[in-house]
Protein backbone atom coordinates (compact mmCIF):
# COMPACT_ATOMS: atom_id res chain seq x y z
CA UNK A 1 19.17 14.28 -9.58
CA UNK A 2 17.20 12.21 -12.38
CA UNK A 3 18.25 8.43 -12.56
CA UNK A 4 19.81 7.02 -15.49
CA UNK A 5 17.59 4.88 -17.74
CA UNK A 6 18.80 1.40 -18.28
CA UNK A 7 17.54 0.42 -21.90
CA UNK A 8 15.91 -3.13 -21.62
CA UNK A 9 16.89 -4.76 -25.03
CA UNK A 10 14.73 -8.12 -25.23
CA UNK A 11 16.11 -10.69 -27.53
CA UNK A 12 13.61 -13.51 -26.77
CA UNK A 13 12.48 -13.76 -30.33
CA UNK A 14 16.09 -13.73 -31.75
CA UNK A 15 18.68 -15.42 -29.42
CA UNK A 16 16.00 -16.73 -27.05
CA UNK A 17 14.53 -18.46 -30.04
CA UNK A 18 17.85 -20.00 -30.98
CA UNK A 19 17.52 -22.07 -28.17
CA UNK A 20 17.09 -25.90 -29.30
CA UNK A 21 13.45 -27.05 -29.35
CA UNK A 22 12.07 -23.13 -28.81
CA UNK A 23 11.07 -22.56 -32.35
CA UNK A 24 8.05 -20.00 -32.73
CA UNK A 25 5.86 -19.55 -35.82
CA UNK A 26 5.33 -15.87 -37.09
CA UNK A 27 1.90 -15.68 -35.54
CA UNK A 28 3.37 -16.73 -31.96
CA UNK A 29 6.26 -14.39 -32.48
CA UNK A 30 3.89 -11.61 -33.17
CA UNK A 31 1.84 -12.55 -30.11
CA UNK A 32 4.96 -12.48 -27.97
CA UNK A 33 6.00 -9.36 -29.39
CA UNK A 34 2.90 -7.48 -28.64
CA UNK A 35 3.26 -8.53 -24.87
CA UNK A 36 6.63 -7.39 -24.85
CA UNK A 37 5.25 -4.05 -25.78
CA UNK A 38 2.78 -4.28 -23.05
CA UNK A 39 5.71 -5.07 -20.56
CA UNK A 40 7.17 -1.96 -22.10
CA UNK A 41 10.73 -3.11 -23.04
CA UNK A 42 12.70 -0.60 -24.92
CA UNK A 43 13.95 -2.66 -27.70
CA UNK A 44 12.71 -5.95 -29.08
CA UNK A 45 15.13 -7.77 -31.01
CA UNK A 46 12.71 -9.28 -33.48
CA UNK A 47 14.97 -11.83 -35.49
CA UNK A 48 17.80 -12.39 -37.98
CA UNK A 49 16.14 -11.30 -41.32
CA UNK A 50 18.65 -12.83 -43.60
CA UNK A 51 18.57 -16.20 -42.15
CA UNK A 52 15.13 -17.42 -43.58
CA UNK A 53 12.07 -15.93 -45.51
CA UNK A 54 10.03 -17.01 -42.47
CA UNK A 55 12.35 -14.91 -40.05
CA UNK A 56 12.36 -11.85 -42.46
CA UNK A 57 8.44 -11.84 -42.70
CA UNK A 58 8.41 -11.95 -39.01
CA UNK A 59 10.66 -9.41 -38.39
CA UNK A 60 8.70 -7.08 -41.08
CA UNK A 61 5.43 -8.01 -39.62
CA UNK A 62 6.41 -7.29 -36.04
CA UNK A 63 8.09 -3.89 -37.29
CA UNK A 64 4.83 -2.96 -38.86
CA UNK A 65 2.40 -4.03 -36.37
CA UNK A 66 3.90 -3.44 -32.96
CA UNK A 67 3.99 0.02 -31.55
CA UNK A 68 6.05 1.51 -28.84
CA UNK A 69 9.41 -0.36 -28.70
CA UNK A 70 12.29 0.13 -31.00
CA UNK A 71 12.36 -2.91 -33.28
CA UNK A 72 15.72 -4.43 -34.24
CA UNK A 73 17.00 -6.94 -36.76
CA UNK A 74 20.35 -8.58 -36.47
CA UNK A 75 22.98 -8.92 -39.26
CA UNK A 76 26.48 -9.89 -39.84
CA UNK A 77 28.97 -7.63 -41.31
CA UNK A 78 27.88 -8.63 -44.73
CA UNK A 79 26.10 -6.49 -47.22
CA UNK A 80 23.30 -8.95 -48.01
CA UNK A 81 22.55 -9.16 -44.26
CA UNK A 82 22.36 -5.65 -43.72
CA UNK A 83 20.50 -5.16 -46.66
CA UNK A 84 17.78 -7.78 -45.57
CA UNK A 85 17.56 -6.17 -41.84
CA UNK A 86 17.12 -2.54 -43.38
CA UNK A 87 14.17 -4.06 -45.64
CA UNK A 88 12.88 -6.04 -42.64
CA UNK A 89 12.77 -3.18 -39.89
CA UNK A 90 11.64 -0.49 -42.67
CA UNK A 91 8.10 -0.30 -41.38
CA UNK A 92 9.09 0.58 -37.90
CA UNK A 93 10.34 4.09 -39.27
CA UNK A 94 12.15 6.00 -36.82
CA UNK A 95 11.88 3.15 -34.24
CA UNK A 96 14.01 0.97 -36.60
CA UNK A 97 17.44 -0.42 -35.61
CA UNK A 98 19.99 -2.57 -37.18
CA UNK A 99 22.17 -4.66 -34.96
CA UNK A 100 25.40 -5.59 -36.82
CA UNK A 101 27.98 -8.02 -35.33
CA UNK A 102 31.57 -9.31 -35.87
CA UNK A 103 33.83 -11.57 -33.71
CA UNK A 104 36.97 -9.77 -32.47
CA UNK A 105 38.62 -12.08 -30.16
CA UNK A 106 42.15 -13.46 -31.06
CA UNK A 107 40.62 -16.94 -31.03
CA UNK A 108 37.78 -16.06 -33.29
CA UNK A 109 39.97 -14.14 -35.48
CA UNK A 110 42.41 -17.00 -36.15
CA UNK A 111 40.28 -19.90 -36.06
CA UNK A 112 36.94 -18.77 -37.27
CA UNK A 113 37.58 -15.78 -39.56
CA UNK A 114 41.15 -15.94 -40.60
CA UNK A 115 41.59 -12.17 -40.29
CA UNK A 116 43.89 -9.74 -38.89
CA UNK A 117 42.99 -6.77 -36.48
CA UNK A 118 42.90 -4.17 -39.35
CA UNK A 119 40.62 -6.31 -41.37
CA UNK A 120 38.26 -6.58 -38.45
CA UNK A 121 38.13 -2.90 -37.97
CA UNK A 122 37.70 -2.34 -41.79
CA UNK A 123 34.79 -5.01 -41.81
CA UNK A 124 33.08 -3.31 -38.84
CA UNK A 125 33.37 0.28 -39.98
CA UNK A 126 32.09 -0.60 -43.44
CA UNK A 127 29.14 -2.51 -41.98
CA UNK A 128 28.08 0.40 -39.68
CA UNK A 129 28.41 2.87 -42.59
CA UNK A 130 26.18 0.55 -44.58
CA UNK A 131 23.59 0.15 -42.08
CA UNK A 132 23.45 3.93 -41.24
CA UNK A 133 22.17 4.09 -44.93
CA UNK A 134 19.05 2.33 -43.81
CA UNK A 135 18.56 3.65 -40.09
CA UNK A 136 19.62 6.18 -37.70
CA UNK A 137 19.83 3.84 -35.00
CA UNK A 138 22.68 1.42 -35.53
CA UNK A 139 24.03 -0.99 -32.83
CA UNK A 140 27.22 -3.00 -33.20
CA UNK A 141 28.34 -6.02 -31.16
CA UNK A 142 32.22 -7.39 -31.25
CA UNK A 143 31.29 -11.04 -30.64
CA UNK A 144 33.22 -12.82 -28.08
CA UNK A 145 34.27 -9.19 -26.72
CA UNK A 146 34.95 -10.68 -23.21
CA UNK A 147 37.86 -12.63 -24.61
CA UNK A 148 39.10 -9.88 -26.86
CA UNK A 149 42.29 -7.92 -25.90
CA UNK A 150 40.99 -4.86 -24.07
CA UNK A 151 43.08 -2.57 -26.08
CA UNK A 152 41.76 -3.80 -29.35
CA UNK A 153 38.16 -3.77 -28.00
CA UNK A 154 38.53 -0.30 -27.07
CA UNK A 155 39.79 0.79 -30.52
CA UNK A 156 36.81 -1.21 -32.11
CA UNK A 157 34.46 0.73 -30.02
CA UNK A 158 35.88 4.08 -30.74
CA UNK A 159 35.94 3.33 -34.65
CA UNK A 160 32.16 2.29 -34.70
CA UNK A 161 31.14 5.23 -32.68
CA UNK A 162 33.02 7.35 -34.85
CA UNK A 163 31.11 6.14 -38.08
CA UNK A 164 27.90 6.35 -36.18
CA UNK A 165 26.84 3.48 -34.21
CA UNK A 166 24.68 4.86 -31.32
CA UNK A 167 25.18 1.74 -29.20
CA UNK A 168 27.92 -0.78 -28.54
CA UNK A 169 27.14 -4.02 -27.24
CA UNK A 170 29.87 -6.12 -25.46
CA UNK A 171 29.00 -9.82 -25.31
CA UNK A 172 30.10 -12.36 -23.10
CA UNK A 173 29.23 -14.63 -26.07
CA UNK A 174 30.23 -17.91 -24.18
CA UNK A 175 29.53 -17.10 -20.77
CA UNK A 176 33.41 -16.94 -19.85
CA UNK A 177 33.53 -13.68 -17.73
CA UNK A 178 33.50 -13.22 -14.02
CA UNK A 179 31.44 -10.42 -12.39
CA UNK A 180 34.59 -8.38 -11.07
CA UNK A 181 36.46 -8.97 -14.21
CA UNK A 182 33.47 -8.26 -16.68
CA UNK A 183 32.79 -4.90 -14.59
CA UNK A 184 36.34 -3.92 -14.74
CA UNK A 185 36.07 -4.24 -18.44
CA UNK A 186 32.97 -2.27 -18.73
CA UNK A 187 34.48 0.44 -16.63
CA UNK A 188 37.60 0.45 -18.74
CA UNK A 189 35.54 1.10 -21.92
CA UNK A 190 33.52 3.63 -20.33
CA UNK A 191 36.46 5.46 -19.16
CA UNK A 192 38.46 5.20 -22.54
CA UNK A 193 35.68 6.05 -25.06
CA UNK A 194 34.56 9.53 -24.60
CA UNK A 195 31.30 8.99 -26.30
CA UNK A 196 30.18 6.50 -23.42
CA UNK A 197 30.69 9.44 -21.01
CA UNK A 198 29.23 12.46 -22.90
CA UNK A 199 26.06 10.44 -23.78
CA UNK A 200 26.56 10.24 -27.71
CA UNK A 201 26.52 6.39 -27.40
CA UNK A 202 25.32 3.90 -25.13
CA UNK A 203 27.40 0.98 -23.84
CA UNK A 204 25.35 -2.32 -23.74
CA UNK A 205 26.05 -5.78 -22.43
CA UNK A 206 24.87 -9.31 -23.62
CA UNK A 207 25.86 -11.98 -21.06
CA UNK A 208 25.19 -15.88 -21.69
CA UNK A 209 24.76 -18.25 -18.57
CA UNK A 210 27.16 -20.95 -19.18
CA UNK A 211 28.40 -20.78 -15.59
CA UNK A 212 25.49 -19.47 -14.32
CA UNK A 213 26.62 -15.66 -14.02
CA UNK A 214 24.68 -14.09 -16.75
CA UNK A 215 22.71 -11.77 -14.48
CA UNK A 216 25.58 -11.30 -12.10
CA UNK A 217 27.85 -10.23 -14.83
CA UNK A 218 24.98 -7.92 -16.24
CA UNK A 219 24.67 -6.13 -12.88
CA UNK A 220 28.08 -5.86 -12.59
CA UNK A 221 28.30 -4.03 -15.91
CA UNK A 222 25.36 -1.87 -14.70
CA UNK A 223 27.38 -0.60 -11.83
CA UNK A 224 30.35 -0.06 -14.10
CA UNK A 225 28.51 2.19 -16.65
CA UNK A 226 26.53 -0.08 -18.98
CA UNK A 227 23.08 1.55 -19.83
CA UNK A 228 21.46 -1.01 -21.96
CA UNK A 229 21.11 -4.82 -20.93
CA UNK A 230 20.35 -7.44 -23.42
CA UNK A 231 18.18 -10.22 -21.89
CA UNK A 232 15.53 -12.68 -22.59
CA UNK A 233 12.14 -13.65 -20.71
CA UNK A 234 12.62 -16.66 -18.43
CA UNK A 235 16.50 -16.59 -19.46
CA UNK A 236 15.93 -18.62 -22.49
CA UNK A 237 18.64 -18.83 -25.17
CA UNK A 238 21.49 -20.48 -26.58
CA UNK A 239 23.10 -23.49 -24.54
CA UNK A 240 22.58 -22.63 -20.97
CA UNK A 241 20.55 -19.31 -22.04
CA UNK A 242 20.89 -15.66 -21.52
CA UNK A 243 20.66 -13.20 -18.63
CA UNK A 244 16.89 -13.28 -17.42
CA UNK A 245 14.78 -10.40 -18.02
CA UNK A 246 12.85 -10.65 -14.84
CA UNK A 247 15.98 -11.25 -12.84
CA UNK A 248 17.80 -8.11 -13.78
CA UNK A 249 14.69 -5.74 -13.93
CA UNK A 250 13.76 -6.97 -10.24
CA UNK A 251 17.18 -6.79 -9.01
CA UNK A 252 17.50 -3.06 -9.91
CA UNK A 253 13.96 -2.30 -8.71
CA UNK A 254 14.19 -4.23 -5.43
CA UNK A 255 17.65 -2.96 -4.49
CA UNK A 256 17.70 0.87 -5.20
CA UNK A 257 20.21 1.14 -2.27
CA UNK A 258 22.84 -0.67 -4.21
CA UNK A 259 21.75 0.56 -7.59
CA UNK A 260 21.00 4.09 -6.41
CA UNK A 261 21.19 6.02 -9.73
CA UNK A 262 19.49 3.64 -12.13
CA UNK A 263 16.09 2.58 -13.12
CA UNK A 264 13.94 0.95 -15.71
CA UNK A 265 10.80 1.59 -17.65
CA UNK A 266 9.28 -2.03 -17.58
CA UNK A 267 6.05 -2.58 -16.24
CA UNK A 268 6.74 -5.28 -13.77
CA UNK A 269 3.20 -6.28 -13.16
CA UNK A 270 3.30 -7.90 -16.78
CA UNK A 271 6.29 -10.10 -15.84
CA UNK A 272 4.45 -13.24 -14.68
CA UNK A 273 1.99 -12.99 -17.76
CA UNK A 274 5.03 -12.51 -20.20
CA UNK A 275 6.80 -15.55 -18.78
CA UNK A 276 3.77 -17.67 -19.13
CA UNK A 277 3.23 -16.75 -22.79
CA UNK A 278 6.77 -17.20 -23.84
CA UNK A 279 6.79 -20.52 -21.95
CA UNK A 280 3.68 -21.70 -23.74
CA UNK A 281 4.80 -20.48 -27.16
CA UNK A 282 8.30 -21.85 -26.77
CA UNK A 283 7.36 -25.04 -25.41
CA UNK A 284 10.18 -24.38 -22.63
CA UNK A 285 8.82 -25.17 -19.20
CA UNK A 286 9.98 -22.68 -16.28
CA UNK A 287 11.88 -24.32 -13.63
CA UNK A 288 9.83 -24.40 -10.43
CA UNK A 289 12.55 -22.85 -8.36
CA UNK A 290 13.13 -20.06 -11.11
CA UNK A 291 13.69 -16.55 -9.58
CA UNK A 292 10.55 -14.29 -9.85
CA UNK A 293 8.55 -16.27 -12.16
CA UNK A 294 8.98 -20.10 -10.97
CA UNK A 295 5.98 -21.65 -9.33
CA UNK A 296 8.00 -21.72 -5.90
CA UNK A 297 9.42 -18.30 -6.04
CA UNK A 298 6.85 -16.93 -3.32
CA UNK A 299 5.97 -20.38 -1.87
CA UNK A 300 6.54 -21.28 1.76
CA UNK A 301 6.36 -24.60 3.29
CA UNK A 302 8.54 -24.05 6.34
CA UNK A 303 6.47 -23.22 9.43
CA UNK A 304 8.89 -20.67 10.52
CA UNK A 305 8.62 -18.99 7.36
CA UNK A 306 4.77 -19.12 7.18
CA UNK A 307 4.93 -17.73 10.61
CA UNK A 308 7.03 -14.79 9.70
CA UNK A 309 5.16 -14.15 6.58
CA UNK A 310 1.95 -13.87 8.52
CA UNK A 311 3.29 -11.39 11.06
CA UNK A 312 5.18 -9.38 8.61
CA UNK A 313 5.58 -10.17 4.66
CA UNK A 314 9.01 -8.91 4.42
CA UNK A 315 10.48 -11.25 7.04
CA UNK A 316 10.83 -13.75 4.14
CA UNK A 317 9.95 -12.00 1.02
CA UNK A 318 12.07 -9.12 -0.70
CA UNK A 319 9.52 -8.51 -3.20
CA UNK A 320 5.61 -8.34 -3.22
CA UNK A 321 4.34 -11.14 -5.66
CA UNK A 322 1.66 -8.76 -6.97
CA UNK A 323 4.29 -6.30 -8.23
CA UNK A 324 5.52 -8.87 -10.59
CA UNK A 325 1.90 -10.12 -11.58
CA UNK A 326 1.34 -12.95 -9.29
CA UNK A 327 -2.41 -13.23 -8.50
CA UNK A 328 -3.15 -10.75 -11.49
CA UNK A 329 -5.76 -12.12 -13.89
């Protein structure tokens, strides 16, 4: 039986760049985007076009210059946002995606938006419809999904899929979820929305690392039926960051016994090179002990460990460092 493909949606240039101190100019963003294409991610979220003229131009340039991945632009459920995103990603042609989002949790509805459930549903459906007038590939995210009432969340998912959204992303916007809880939520949505089961729509996740659980929650979601994961190189992003691309990809690759029916198309030998480029362009130093890409990830100072490695590498290394690009020039 053919494995299910996990779509790797890289948001380094959008959510990652929102990290304080991580701003990149248009030239740097284009260079990162080209490297992400060499890494063979499936989707590059290139930016938030309505936010500034610079961001619009960067997204448009990436859509025009970078071949291979789908190019996405983010938009609120506001006509001017969607129009800007549609214009920015247009050069990508059939590889263009508009990613619209709207908060759905009770907390956000009452205190941020001042809107009732029926108003949220109407805004979400109208936004997907408008986005579909520009592109065939529309993604919808119910912001703060992990704190949204599950019944209402399922209702939102069904409504936007019916209007033509081909991906519905479930964000753990503030890193609140626990892996068992988040996995159960994804399973419930997978079971309750027929389009997630019959292949007409993809269920995605976007996890933040406020409690250090972004990767764990993403992996739990994969086990529960998610087939797209939104992540960033080096895990950079708002506050404590996002789920780390390299950790998710290598977890799936290293543990095929646990993730028996899934794989992804990332060229893992480009991981270290991509990590270093993003670190240089963003100005954010990678922690020495960072999994997969940190300087100490494959270092062994203990004599016991060194002895074991010399006798058989697998005694203390579960990954071959060459597989992620260490030692590759």
